[in-house]
Amino acid sequence: MDKKHLVIGIVGPCKSGKTTLQKGLISRGYQGKQIAQEHSFSPSMWKVLTNPDMLIFLDVSYENMVERGKSNWLEKDYEEQYRRLAHAMERADLHVNTDENNIEEVLALIIDFIEGV
């Protein structure tokens, strides 16, 4: 069964790889939708705006978030993002830690998951 018609929602804190994953999925014909849930005060915004068929949660450590971009965010800001992401994180179909894998590995892991569902 072709899974490319599924809407794949992508959530996670800043610098976790949401934009990169979305571009990778789209370039391979999937409908990746980045959701900026980490900036919302509404816990279920991800569902209201996108209502994805599948939800992917990308994790990143505070140290890697700072390393990946020019960020002056404090650790408390990072923790606040996770608080705002809690609703989506609990409902995600797949959690991927992007600290431990490069871009291609993350993309391959997620495509394997999508195709295996």
PDB file of N, CA and C in Angstrom:
ATOM      1  N   MET A   1       0.831  -1.185   0.000  1.00  0.00           N
ATOM      2  CA  MET A   1       0.000   0.000   0.000  1.00  0.00           C
ATOM      3  C   MET A   1       0.876   1.249   0.000  1.00  0.00           C
ATOM      4  N   ASP A   2       0.554   2.203  -0.861  1.00  0.00           N
ATOM      5  CA  ASP A   2       1.316   3.440  -0.962  1.00  0.00           C
ATOM      6  C   ASP A   2       0.996   4.343   0.222  1.00  0.00           C
ATOM      7  N   LYS A   3       2.011   4.747   0.946  1.00  0.00           N
ATOM      8  CA  LYS A   3       1.838   5.575   2.144  1.00  0.00           C
ATOM      9  C   LYS A   3       2.085   7.061   1.867  1.00  0.00           C
ATOM     10  N   LYS A   4       2.364   7.399   0.614  1.00  0.00           N
ATOM     11  CA  LYS A   4       2.733   8.780   0.306  1.00  0.00           C
ATOM     12  C   LYS A   4       1.563   9.751   0.383  1.00  0.00           C
ATOM     13  N   HIS A   5       0.353   9.241   0.493  1.00  0.00           N
ATOM     14  CA  HIS A   5      -0.816  10.114   0.638  1.00  0.00           C
ATOM     15  C   HIS A   5      -1.037  10.531   2.095  1.00  0.00           C
ATOM     16  N   LEU A   6      -0.381   9.866   3.029  1.00  0.00           N
ATOM     17  CA  LEU A   6      -0.555  10.171   4.451  1.00  0.00           C
ATOM     18  C   LEU A   6       0.058  11.523   4.806  1.00  0.00           C
ATOM     19  N   VAL A   7      -0.618  12.272   5.652  1.00  0.00           N
ATOM     20  CA  VAL A   7      -0.064  13.523   6.170  1.00  0.00           C
ATOM     21  C   VAL A   7       0.783  13.168   7.391  1.00  0.00           C
ATOM     22  N   ILE A   8       2.074  13.482   7.310  1.00  0.00           N
ATOM     23  CA  ILE A   8       3.021  13.162   8.372  1.00  0.00           C
ATOM     24  C   ILE A   8       3.331  14.448   9.133  1.00  0.00           C
ATOM     25  N   GLY A   9       2.818  14.570  10.355  1.00  0.00           N
ATOM     26  CA  GLY A   9       3.095  15.732  11.191  1.00  0.00           C
ATOM     27  C   GLY A   9       4.437  15.567  11.881  1.00  0.00           C
ATOM     28  N   ILE A  10       5.183  16.658  11.966  1.00  0.00           N
ATOM     29  CA  ILE A  10       6.515  16.634  12.575  1.00  0.00           C
ATOM     30  C   ILE A  10       6.565  17.684  13.677  1.00  0.00           C
ATOM     31  N   VAL A  11       6.838  17.253  14.898  1.00  0.00           N
ATOM     32  CA  VAL A  11       6.957  18.167  16.032  1.00  0.00           C
ATOM     33  C   VAL A  11       8.264  17.904  16.772  1.00  0.00           C
ATOM     34  N   GLY A  12       8.684  18.884  17.534  1.00  0.00           N
ATOM     35  CA  GLY A  12       9.890  18.762  18.337  1.00  0.00           C
ATOM     36  C   GLY A  12      10.376  20.140  18.714  1.00  0.00           C
ATOM     37  N   PRO A  13      11.337  20.214  19.611  1.00  0.00           N
ATOM     38  CA  PRO A  13      11.871  21.512  20.004  1.00  0.00           C
ATOM     39  C   PRO A  13      12.675  22.151  18.875  1.00  0.00           C
ATOM     40  N   CYS A  14      13.015  23.407  19.059  1.00  0.00           N
ATOM     41  CA  CYS A  14      13.844  24.109  18.083  1.00  0.00           C
ATOM     42  C   CYS A  14      15.146  23.340  17.851  1.00  0.00           C
ATOM     43  N   LYS A  15      15.588  23.344  16.622  1.00  0.00           N
ATOM     44  CA  LYS A  15      16.854  22.721  16.203  1.00  0.00           C
ATOM     45  C   LYS A  15      16.852  21.199  16.304  1.00  0.00           C
ATOM     46  N   SER A  16      15.673  20.582  16.391  1.00  0.00           N
ATOM     47  CA  SER A  16      15.614  19.118  16.448  1.00  0.00           C
ATOM     48  C   SER A  16      15.681  18.495  15.057  1.00  0.00           C
ATOM     49  N   GLY A  17      15.451  19.293  14.009  1.00  0.00           N
ATOM     50  CA  GLY A  17      15.532  18.778  12.646  1.00  0.00           C
ATOM     51  C   GLY A  17      14.208  18.749  11.909  1.00  0.00           C
ATOM     52  N   LYS A  18      13.216  19.469  12.400  1.00  0.00           N
ATOM     53  CA  LYS A  18      11.879  19.446  11.779  1.00  0.00           C
ATOM     54  C   LYS A  18      11.909  19.917  10.325  1.00  0.00           C
ATOM     55  N   THR A  19      12.551  21.041  10.077  1.00  0.00           N
ATOM     56  CA  THR A  19      12.604  21.587   8.715  1.00  0.00           C
ATOM     57  C   THR A  19      13.361  20.643   7.791  1.00  0.00           C
ATOM     58  N   THR A  20      14.473  20.136   8.251  1.00  0.00           N
ATOM     59  CA  THR A  20      15.282  19.217   7.451  1.00  0.00           C
ATOM     60  C   THR A  20      14.507  17.945   7.136  1.00  0.00           C
ATOM     61  N   LEU A  21      13.815  17.401   8.129  1.00  0.00           N
ATOM     62  CA  LEU A  21      13.019  16.195   7.902  1.00  0.00           C
ATOM     63  C   LEU A  21      11.881  16.474   6.929  1.00  0.00           C
ATOM     64  N   GLN A  22      11.199  17.593   7.101  1.00  0.00           N
ATOM     65  CA  GLN A  22      10.102  17.931   6.190  1.00  0.00           C
ATOM     66  C   GLN A  22      10.610  17.995   4.750  1.00  0.00           C
ATOM     67  N   LYS A  23      11.713  18.672   4.523  1.00  0.00           N
ATOM     68  CA  LYS A  23      12.284  18.777   3.174  1.00  0.00           C
ATOM     69  C   LYS A  23      12.645  17.400   2.634  1.00  0.00           C
ATOM     70  N   GLY A  24      13.232  16.558   3.476  1.00  0.00           N
ATOM     71  CA  GLY A  24      13.606  15.212   3.053  1.00  0.00           C
ATOM     72  C   GLY A  24      12.403  14.366   2.683  1.00  0.00           C
ATOM     73  N   LEU A  25      11.348  14.440   3.487  1.00  0.00           N
ATOM     74  CA  LEU A  25      10.130  13.678   3.185  1.00  0.00           C
ATOM     75  C   LEU A  25       9.487  14.174   1.894  1.00  0.00           C
ATOM     76  N   ILE A  26       9.377  15.488   1.747  1.00  0.00           N
ATOM     77  CA  ILE A  26       8.763  16.054   0.543  1.00  0.00           C
ATOM     78  C   ILE A  26       9.570  15.680  -0.695  1.00  0.00           C
ATOM     79  N   SER A  27      10.894  15.715  -0.605  1.00  0.00           N
ATOM     80  CA  SER A  27      11.732  15.377  -1.767  1.00  0.00           C
ATOM     81  C   SER A  27      11.569  13.922  -2.191  1.00  0.00           C
ATOM     82  N   ARG A  28      11.059  13.102  -1.296  1.00  0.00           N
ATOM     83  CA  ARG A  28      10.824  11.685  -1.610  1.00  0.00           C
ATOM     84  C   ARG A  28       9.346  11.383  -1.837  1.00  0.00           C
ATOM     85  N   GLY A  29       8.545  12.439  -1.957  1.00  0.00           N
ATOM     86  CA  GLY A  29       7.138  12.275  -2.317  1.00  0.00           C
ATOM     87  C   GLY A  29       6.163  12.141  -1.166  1.00  0.00           C
ATOM     88  N   TYR A  30       6.633  12.283   0.070  1.00  0.00           N
ATOM     89  CA  TYR A  30       5.753  12.186   1.238  1.00  0.00           C
ATOM     90  C   TYR A  30       5.211  13.569   1.601  1.00  0.00           C
ATOM     91  N   GLN A  31       4.114  13.585   2.329  1.00  0.00           N
ATOM     92  CA  GLN A  31       3.491  14.841   2.753  1.00  0.00           C
ATOM     93  C   GLN A  31       3.910  15.188   4.182  1.00  0.00           C
ATOM     94  N   GLY A  32       5.118  15.665   4.329  1.00  0.00           N
ATOM     95  CA  GLY A  32       5.621  16.076   5.634  1.00  0.00           C
ATOM     96  C   GLY A  32       5.136  17.467   5.983  1.00  0.00           C
ATOM     97  N   LYS A  33       4.636  17.631   7.202  1.00  0.00           N
ATOM     98  CA  LYS A  33       4.123  18.922   7.671  1.00  0.00           C
ATOM     99  C   LYS A  33       4.783  19.278   8.997  1.00  0.00           C
ATOM    100  N   GLN A  34       5.623  20.292   8.969  1.00  0.00           N
ATOM    101  CA  GLN A  34       6.257  20.770  10.196  1.00  0.00           C
ATOM    102  C   GLN A  34       5.237  21.556  11.013  1.00  0.00           C
ATOM    103  N   ILE A  35       5.182  21.291  12.301  1.00  0.00           N
ATOM    104  CA  ILE A  35       4.240  21.966  13.189  1.00  0.00           C
ATOM    105  C   ILE A  35       5.043  22.646  14.300  1.00  0.00           C
ATOM    106  N   ALA A  36       4.907  23.955  14.420  1.00  0.00           N
ATOM    107  CA  ALA A  36       5.676  24.724  15.410  1.00  0.00           C
ATOM    108  C   ALA A  36       4.988  24.703  16.775  1.00  0.00           C
ATOM    109  N   GLN A  37       4.685  23.518  17.247  1.00  0.00           N
ATOM    110  CA  GLN A  37       3.984  23.344  18.524  1.00  0.00           C
ATOM    111  C   GLN A  37       4.777  23.902  19.703  1.00  0.00           C
ATOM    112  N   GLU A  38       6.087  23.890  19.608  1.00  0.00           N
ATOM    113  CA  GLU A  38       6.922  24.333  20.729  1.00  0.00           C
ATOM    114  C   GLU A  38       6.744  25.818  21.051  1.00  0.00           C
ATOM    115  N   HIS A  39       6.118  26.567  20.140  1.00  0.00           N
ATOM    116  CA  HIS A  39       5.888  27.996  20.359  1.00  0.00           C
ATOM    117  C   HIS A  39       4.449  28.306  20.768  1.00  0.00           C
ATOM    118  N   SER A  40       3.612  27.294  20.857  1.00  0.00           N
ATOM    119  CA  SER A  40       2.186  27.505  21.110  1.00  0.00           C
ATOM    120  C   SER A  40       1.817  27.260  22.572  1.00  0.00           C
ATOM    121  N   PHE A  41       0.889  28.067  23.059  1.00  0.00           N
ATOM    122  CA  PHE A  41       0.354  27.858  24.398  1.00  0.00           C
ATOM    123  C   PHE A  41      -0.812  26.875  24.376  1.00  0.00           C
ATOM    124  N   SER A  42      -1.304  26.542  23.191  1.00  0.00           N
ATOM    125  CA  SER A  42      -2.414  25.602  23.046  1.00  0.00           C
ATOM    126  C   SER A  42      -1.855  24.189  22.887  1.00  0.00           C
ATOM    127  N   PRO A  43      -2.060  23.297  23.850  1.00  0.00           N
ATOM    128  CA  PRO A  43      -1.454  21.966  23.813  1.00  0.00           C
ATOM    129  C   PRO A  43      -1.791  21.137  22.573  1.00  0.00           C
ATOM    130  N   SER A  44      -2.974  21.327  22.024  1.00  0.00           N
ATOM    131  CA  SER A  44      -3.389  20.485  20.892  1.00  0.00           C
ATOM    132  C   SER A  44      -3.379  21.226  19.558  1.00  0.00           C
ATOM    133  N   MET A  45      -2.636  22.319  19.468  1.00  0.00           N
ATOM    134  CA  MET A  45      -2.564  23.070  18.215  1.00  0.00           C
ATOM    135  C   MET A  45      -2.136  22.173  17.052  1.00  0.00           C
ATOM    136  N   TRP A  46      -1.207  21.271  17.301  1.00  0.00           N
ATOM    137  CA  TRP A  46      -0.712  20.374  16.259  1.00  0.00           C
ATOM    138  C   TRP A  46      -1.859  19.616  15.602  1.00  0.00           C
ATOM    139  N   LYS A  47      -2.827  19.192  16.392  1.00  0.00           N
ATOM    140  CA  LYS A  47      -3.955  18.409  15.886  1.00  0.00           C
ATOM    141  C   LYS A  47      -4.952  19.302  15.157  1.00  0.00           C
ATOM    142  N   VAL A  48      -5.235  20.460  15.732  1.00  0.00           N
ATOM    143  CA  VAL A  48      -6.217  21.374  15.147  1.00  0.00           C
ATOM    144  C   VAL A  48      -5.753  21.875  13.781  1.00  0.00           C
ATOM    145  N   LEU A  49      -4.504  22.288  13.680  1.00  0.00           N
ATOM    146  CA  LEU A  49      -4.007  22.869  12.436  1.00  0.00           C
ATOM    147  C   LEU A  49      -3.713  21.845  11.350  1.00  0.00           C
ATOM    148  N   THR A  50      -3.207  20.705  11.729  1.00  0.00           N
ATOM    149  CA  THR A  50      -2.727  19.741  10.737  1.00  0.00           C
ATOM    150  C   THR A  50      -3.518  18.446  10.706  1.00  0.00           C
ATOM    151  N   ASN A  51      -3.993  17.985  11.856  1.00  0.00           N
ATOM    152  CA  ASN A  51      -4.687  16.701  11.977  1.00  0.00           C
ATOM    153  C   ASN A  51      -3.974  15.608  11.168  1.00  0.00           C
ATOM    154  N   PRO A  52      -2.717  15.340  11.495  1.00  0.00           N
ATOM    155  CA  PRO A  52      -1.929  14.393  10.703  1.00  0.00           C
ATOM    156  C   PRO A  52      -2.403  12.949  10.854  1.00  0.00           C
ATOM    157  N   ASP A  53      -2.119  12.171   9.832  1.00  0.00           N
ATOM    158  CA  ASP A  53      -2.390  10.733   9.893  1.00  0.00           C
ATOM    159  C   ASP A  53      -1.372  10.043  10.795  1.00  0.00           C
ATOM    160  N   MET A  54      -0.197  10.642  10.891  1.00  0.00           N
ATOM    161  CA  MET A  54       0.895  10.086  11.684  1.00  0.00           C
ATOM    162  C   MET A  54       1.664  11.260  12.284  1.00  0.00           C
ATOM    163  N   LEU A  55       2.110  11.105  13.524  1.00  0.00           N
ATOM    164  CA  LEU A  55       2.844  12.178  14.190  1.00  0.00           C
ATOM    165  C   LEU A  55       4.228  11.685  14.591  1.00  0.00           C
ATOM    166  N   ILE A  56       5.251  12.412  14.149  1.00  0.00           N
ATOM    167  CA  ILE A  56       6.640  12.088  14.456  1.00  0.00           C
ATOM    168  C   ILE A  56       7.170  13.138  15.429  1.00  0.00           C
ATOM    169  N   PHE A  57       7.774  12.678  16.519  1.00  0.00           N
ATOM    170  CA  PHE A  57       8.370  13.585  17.503  1.00  0.00           C
ATOM    171  C   PHE A  57       9.882  13.479  17.414  1.00  0.00           C
ATOM    172  N   LEU A  58      10.542  14.609  17.178  1.00  0.00           N
ATOM    173  CA  LEU A  58      11.999  14.648  17.124  1.00  0.00           C
ATOM    174  C   LEU A  58      12.537  15.212  18.429  1.00  0.00           C
ATOM    175  N   ASP A  59      13.439  14.481  19.050  1.00  0.00           N
ATOM    176  CA  ASP A  59      14.095  14.909  20.287  1.00  0.00           C
ATOM    177  C   ASP A  59      15.479  15.459  19.970  1.00  0.00           C
ATOM    178  N   VAL A  60      15.911  16.404  20.760  1.00  0.00           N
ATOM    179  CA  VAL A  60      17.278  16.908  20.691  1.00  0.00           C
ATOM    180  C   VAL A  60      17.662  17.356  22.098  1.00  0.00           C
ATOM    181  N   SER A  61      18.905  17.128  22.472  1.00  0.00           N
ATOM    182  CA  SER A  61      19.369  17.572  23.788  1.00  0.00           C
ATOM    183  C   SER A  61      19.591  19.085  23.773  1.00  0.00           C
ATOM    184  N   TYR A  62      19.602  19.663  24.946  1.00  0.00           N
ATOM    185  CA  TYR A  62      19.866  21.099  25.061  1.00  0.00           C
ATOM    186  C   TYR A  62      21.233  21.433  24.462  1.00  0.00           C
ATOM    187  N   GLU A  63      22.227  20.618  24.759  1.00  0.00           N
ATOM    188  CA  GLU A  63      23.582  20.867  24.267  1.00  0.00           C
ATOM    189  C   GLU A  63      23.626  20.877  22.741  1.00  0.00           C
ATOM    190  N   ASN A  64      22.956  19.919  22.114  1.00  0.00           N
ATOM    191  CA  ASN A  64      22.950  19.875  20.651  1.00  0.00           C
ATOM    192  C   ASN A  64      22.102  20.987  20.052  1.00  0.00           C
ATOM    193  N   MET A  65      21.029  21.374  20.727  1.00  0.00           N
ATOM    194  CA  MET A  65      20.225  22.495  20.241  1.00  0.00           C
ATOM    195  C   MET A  65      21.091  23.751  20.155  1.00  0.00           C
ATOM    196  N   VAL A  66      21.868  24.004  21.199  1.00  0.00           N
ATOM    197  CA  VAL A  66      22.738  25.180  21.225  1.00  0.00           C
ATOM    198  C   VAL A  66      23.817  25.059  20.155  1.00  0.00           C
ATOM    199  N   GLU A  67      24.393  23.869  20.013  1.00  0.00           N
ATOM    200  CA  GLU A  67      25.468  23.645  19.049  1.00  0.00           C
ATOM    201  C   GLU A  67      24.988  23.801  17.601  1.00  0.00           C
ATOM    202  N   ARG A  68      23.750  23.415  17.314  1.00  0.00           N
ATOM    203  CA  ARG A  68      23.233  23.428  15.941  1.00  0.00           C
ATOM    204  C   ARG A  68      22.902  24.814  15.413  1.00  0.00           C
ATOM    205  N   GLY A  69      22.729  25.754  16.286  1.00  0.00           N
ATOM    206  CA  GLY A  69      22.370  27.081  15.794  1.00  0.00           C
ATOM    207  C   GLY A  69      22.758  28.147  16.781  1.00  0.00           C
ATOM    208  N   LYS A  70      22.773  29.343  16.275  1.00  0.00           N
ATOM    209  CA  LYS A  70      23.094  30.472  17.148  1.00  0.00           C
ATOM    210  C   LYS A  70      21.915  30.699  18.074  1.00  0.00           C
ATOM    211  N   SER A  71      22.009  30.121  19.237  1.00  0.00           N
ATOM    212  CA  SER A  71      20.906  30.192  20.186  1.00  0.00           C
ATOM    213  C   SER A  71      21.389  30.801  21.492  1.00  0.00           C
ATOM    214  N   ASN A  72      20.670  31.804  21.938  1.00  0.00           N
ATOM    215  CA  ASN A  72      20.984  32.370  23.246  1.00  0.00           C
ATOM    216  C   ASN A  72      19.961  31.898  24.274  1.00  0.00           C
ATOM    217  N   TRP A  73      19.250  30.824  23.917  1.00  0.00           N
ATOM    218  CA  TRP A  73      18.228  30.289  24.809  1.00  0.00           C
ATOM    219  C   TRP A  73      18.883  29.644  26.026  1.00  0.00           C
ATOM    220  N   LEU A  74      18.243  29.844  27.139  1.00  0.00           N
ATOM    221  CA  LEU A  74      18.690  29.209  28.373  1.00  0.00           C
ATOM    222  C   LEU A  74      18.052  27.830  28.484  1.00  0.00           C
ATOM    223  N   GLU A  75      18.588  27.023  29.370  1.00  0.00           N
ATOM    224  CA  GLU A  75      18.034  25.682  29.543  1.00  0.00           C
ATOM    225  C   GLU A  75      16.570  25.733  29.976  1.00  0.00           C
ATOM    226  N   LYS A  76      16.186  26.742  30.729  1.00  0.00           N
ATOM    227  CA  LYS A  76      14.781  26.865  31.140  1.00  0.00           C
ATOM    228  C   LYS A  76      13.874  27.109  29.931  1.00  0.00           C
ATOM    229  N   ASP A  77      14.377  27.799  28.895  1.00  0.00           N
ATOM    230  CA  ASP A  77      13.601  28.012  27.670  1.00  0.00           C
ATOM    231  C   ASP A  77      13.402  26.688  26.933  1.00  0.00           C
ATOM    232  N   TYR A  78      14.454  25.903  26.900  1.00  0.00           N
ATOM    233  CA  TYR A  78      14.404  24.567  26.297  1.00  0.00           C
ATOM    234  C   TYR A  78      13.381  23.700  27.031  1.00  0.00           C
ATOM    235  N   GLU A  79      13.423  23.725  28.345  1.00  0.00           N
ATOM    236  CA  GLU A  79      12.471  22.944  29.149  1.00  0.00           C
ATOM    237  C   GLU A  79      11.034  23.408  28.924  1.00  0.00           C
ATOM    238  N   GLU A  80      10.842  24.699  28.730  1.00  0.00           N
ATOM    239  CA  GLU A  80       9.503  25.230  28.445  1.00  0.00           C
ATOM    240  C   GLU A  80       8.985  24.702  27.107  1.00  0.00           C
ATOM    241  N   GLN A  81       9.869  24.553  26.132  1.00  0.00           N
ATOM    242  CA  GLN A  81       9.445  23.976  24.854  1.00  0.00           C
ATOM    243  C   GLN A  81       8.914  22.561  25.063  1.00  0.00           C
ATOM    244  N   TYR A  82       9.602  21.777  25.856  1.00  0.00           N
ATOM    245  CA  TYR A  82       9.142  20.408  26.114  1.00  0.00           C
ATOM    246  C   TYR A  82       7.816  20.392  26.871  1.00  0.00           C
ATOM    247  N   ARG A  83       7.618  21.363  27.750  1.00  0.00           N
ATOM    248  CA  ARG A  83       6.323  21.451  28.432  1.00  0.00           C
ATOM    249  C   ARG A  83       5.215  21.708  27.410  1.00  0.00           C
ATOM    250  N   ARG A  84       5.468  22.595  26.479  1.00  0.00           N
ATOM    251  CA  ARG A  84       4.480  22.912  25.447  1.00  0.00           C
ATOM    252  C   ARG A  84       4.286  21.764  24.461  1.00  0.00           C
ATOM    253  N   LEU A  85       5.271  20.919  24.348  1.00  0.00           N
ATOM    254  CA  LEU A  85       5.214  19.783  23.426  1.00  0.00           C
ATOM    255  C   LEU A  85       4.641  18.518  24.063  1.00  0.00           C
ATOM    256  N   ALA A  86       4.371  18.528  25.348  1.00  0.00           N
ATOM    257  CA  ALA A  86       3.983  17.312  26.079  1.00  0.00           C
ATOM    258  C   ALA A  86       2.781  16.602  25.464  1.00  0.00           C
ATOM    259  N   HIS A  87       1.756  17.326  25.099  1.00  0.00           N
ATOM    260  CA  HIS A  87       0.542  16.728  24.523  1.00  0.00           C
ATOM    261  C   HIS A  87       0.879  15.983  23.232  1.00  0.00           C
ATOM    262  N   ALA A  88       1.647  16.617  22.375  1.00  0.00           N
ATOM    263  CA  ALA A  88       2.040  15.987  21.111  1.00  0.00           C
ATOM    264  C   ALA A  88       2.991  14.817  21.359  1.00  0.00           C
ATOM    265  N   MET A  89       3.920  14.987  22.282  1.00  0.00           N
ATOM    266  CA  MET A  89       4.892  13.932  22.564  1.00  0.00           C
ATOM    267  C   MET A  89       4.200  12.657  23.043  1.00  0.00           C
ATOM    268  N   GLU A  90       3.197  12.810  23.890  1.00  0.00           N
ATOM    269  CA  GLU A  90       2.461  11.652  24.407  1.00  0.00           C
ATOM    270  C   GLU A  90       1.683  10.926  23.313  1.00  0.00           C
ATOM    271  N   ARG A  91       1.325  11.633  22.259  1.00  0.00           N
ATOM    272  CA  ARG A  91       0.490  11.060  21.208  1.00  0.00           C
ATOM    273  C   ARG A  91       1.257  10.710  19.940  1.00  0.00           C
ATOM    274  N   ALA A  92       2.558  10.936  19.943  1.00  0.00           N
ATOM    275  CA  ALA A  92       3.372  10.672  18.758  1.00  0.00           C
ATOM    276  C   ALA A  92       3.422   9.178  18.449  1.00  0.00           C
ATOM    277  N   ASP A  93       3.414   8.882  17.174  1.00  0.00           N
ATOM    278  CA  ASP A  93       3.526   7.497  16.713  1.00  0.00           C
ATOM    279  C   ASP A  93       4.966   7.007  16.766  1.00  0.00           C
ATOM    280  N   LEU A  94       5.898   7.942  16.659  1.00  0.00           N
ATOM    281  CA  LEU A  94       7.317   7.590  16.677  1.00  0.00           C
ATOM    282  C   LEU A  94       8.103   8.736  17.301  1.00  0.00           C
ATOM    283  N   HIS A  95       9.056   8.378  18.170  1.00  0.00           N
ATOM    284  CA  HIS A  95       9.990   9.340  18.762  1.00  0.00           C
ATOM    285  C   HIS A  95      11.369   9.018  18.205  1.00  0.00           C
ATOM    286  N   VAL A  96      12.081  10.042  17.736  1.00  0.00           N
ATOM    287  CA  VAL A  96      13.430   9.847  17.211  1.00  0.00           C
ATOM    288  C   VAL A  96      14.351  10.867  17.868  1.00  0.00           C
ATOM    289  N   ASN A  97      15.436  10.380  18.454  1.00  0.00           N
ATOM    290  CA  ASN A  97      16.438  11.264  19.030  1.00  0.00           C
ATOM    291  C   ASN A  97      17.418  11.633  17.929  1.00  0.00           C
ATOM    292  N   THR A  98      17.435  12.905  17.559  1.00  0.00           N
ATOM    293  CA  THR A  98      18.294  13.332  16.456  1.00  0.00           C
ATOM    294  C   THR A  98      19.726  13.613  16.899  1.00  0.00           C
ATOM    295  N   ASP A  99      20.008  13.490  18.191  1.00  0.00           N
ATOM    296  CA  ASP A  99      21.389  13.612  18.673  1.00  0.00           C
ATOM    297  C   ASP A  99      22.233  12.450  18.165  1.00  0.00           C
ATOM    298  N   GLU A 100      21.617  11.304  18.059  1.00  0.00           N
ATOM    299  CA  GLU A 100      22.340  10.051  17.848  1.00  0.00           C
ATOM    300  C   GLU A 100      22.475   9.637  16.387  1.00  0.00           C
ATOM    301  N   ASN A 101      21.826  10.354  15.471  1.00  0.00           N
ATOM    302  CA  ASN A 101      21.823   9.953  14.066  1.00  0.00           C
ATOM    303  C   ASN A 101      22.044  11.162  13.169  1.00  0.00           C
ATOM    304  N   ASN A 102      22.654  10.911  11.990  1.00  0.00           N
ATOM    305  CA  ASN A 102      22.788  12.005  11.037  1.00  0.00           C
ATOM    306  C   ASN A 102      21.483  12.159  10.247  1.00  0.00           C
ATOM    307  N   ILE A 103      21.423  13.163   9.397  1.00  0.00           N
ATOM    308  CA  ILE A 103      20.199  13.494   8.664  1.00  0.00           C
ATOM    309  C   ILE A 103      19.678  12.306   7.862  1.00  0.00           C
ATOM    310  N   GLU A 104      20.536  11.663   7.111  1.00  0.00           N
ATOM    311  CA  GLU A 104      20.100  10.539   6.273  1.00  0.00           C
ATOM    312  C   GLU A 104      19.622   9.360   7.112  1.00  0.00           C
ATOM    313  N   GLU A 105      20.271   9.119   8.244  1.00  0.00           N
ATOM    314  CA  GLU A 105      19.844   8.031   9.126  1.00  0.00           C
ATOM    315  C   GLU A 105      18.464   8.304   9.718  1.00  0.00           C
ATOM    316  N   VAL A 106      18.229   9.543  10.135  1.00  0.00           N
ATOM    317  CA  VAL A 106      16.915   9.913  10.681  1.00  0.00           C
ATOM    318  C   VAL A 106      15.848   9.745   9.612  1.00  0.00           C
ATOM    319  N   LEU A 107      16.113  10.238   8.419  1.00  0.00           N
ATOM    320  CA  LEU A 107      15.151  10.139   7.325  1.00  0.00           C
ATOM    321  C   LEU A 107      14.863   8.679   6.981  1.00  0.00           C
ATOM    322  N   ALA A 108      15.893   7.857   6.882  1.00  0.00           N
ATOM    323  CA  ALA A 108      15.702   6.437   6.563  1.00  0.00           C
ATOM    324  C   ALA A 108      14.898   5.732   7.649  1.00  0.00           C
ATOM    325  N   LEU A 109      15.197   6.023   8.894  1.00  0.00           N
ATOM    326  CA  LEU A 109      14.470   5.429  10.018  1.00  0.00           C
ATOM    327  C   LEU A 109      12.985   5.777   9.946  1.00  0.00           C
ATOM    328  N   ILE A 110      12.694   7.024   9.657  1.00  0.00           N
ATOM    329  CA  ILE A 110      11.304   7.474   9.615  1.00  0.00           C
ATOM    330  C   ILE A 110      10.575   6.915   8.403  1.00  0.00           C
ATOM    331  N   ILE A 111      11.216   6.883   7.256  1.00  0.00           N
ATOM    332  CA  ILE A 111      10.575   6.295   6.069  1.00  0.00           C
ATOM    333  C   ILE A 111      10.314   4.811   6.291  1.00  0.00           C
ATOM    334  N   ASP A 112      11.257   4.099   6.887  1.00  0.00           N
ATOM    335  CA  ASP A 112      11.032   2.679   7.212  1.00  0.00           C
ATOM    336  C   ASP A 112       9.822   2.525   8.123  1.00  0.00           C
ATOM    337  N   PHE A 113       9.694   3.411   9.105  1.00  0.00           N
ATOM    338  CA  PHE A 113       8.548   3.358  10.013  1.00  0.00           C
ATOM    339  C   PHE A 113       7.249   3.613   9.254  1.00  0.00           C
ATOM    340  N   ILE A 114       7.224   4.662   8.439  1.00  0.00           N
ATOM    341  CA  ILE A 114       6.019   5.004   7.667  1.00  0.00           C
ATOM    342  C   ILE A 114       5.601   3.829   6.798  1.00  0.00           C
ATOM    343  N   GLU A 115       6.544   3.259   6.095  1.00  0.00           N
ATOM    344  CA  GLU A 115       6.235   2.165   5.170  1.00  0.00           C
ATOM    345  C   GLU A 115       5.855   0.882   5.904  1.00  0.00           C
ATOM    346  N   GLY A 116       6.307   0.747   7.156  1.00  0.00           N
ATOM    347  CA  GLY A 116       6.006  -0.452   7.921  1.00  0.00           C
ATOM    348  C   GLY A 116       4.669  -0.437   8.636  1.00  0.00           C
ATOM    349  N   VAL A 117       4.046   0.718   8.675  1.00  0.00           N
ATOM    350  CA  VAL A 117       2.760   0.840   9.392  1.00  0.00           C
ATOM    351  C   VAL A 117       1.637   0.284   8.550  1.00  0.00           C
TER     352      VAL A 117
END
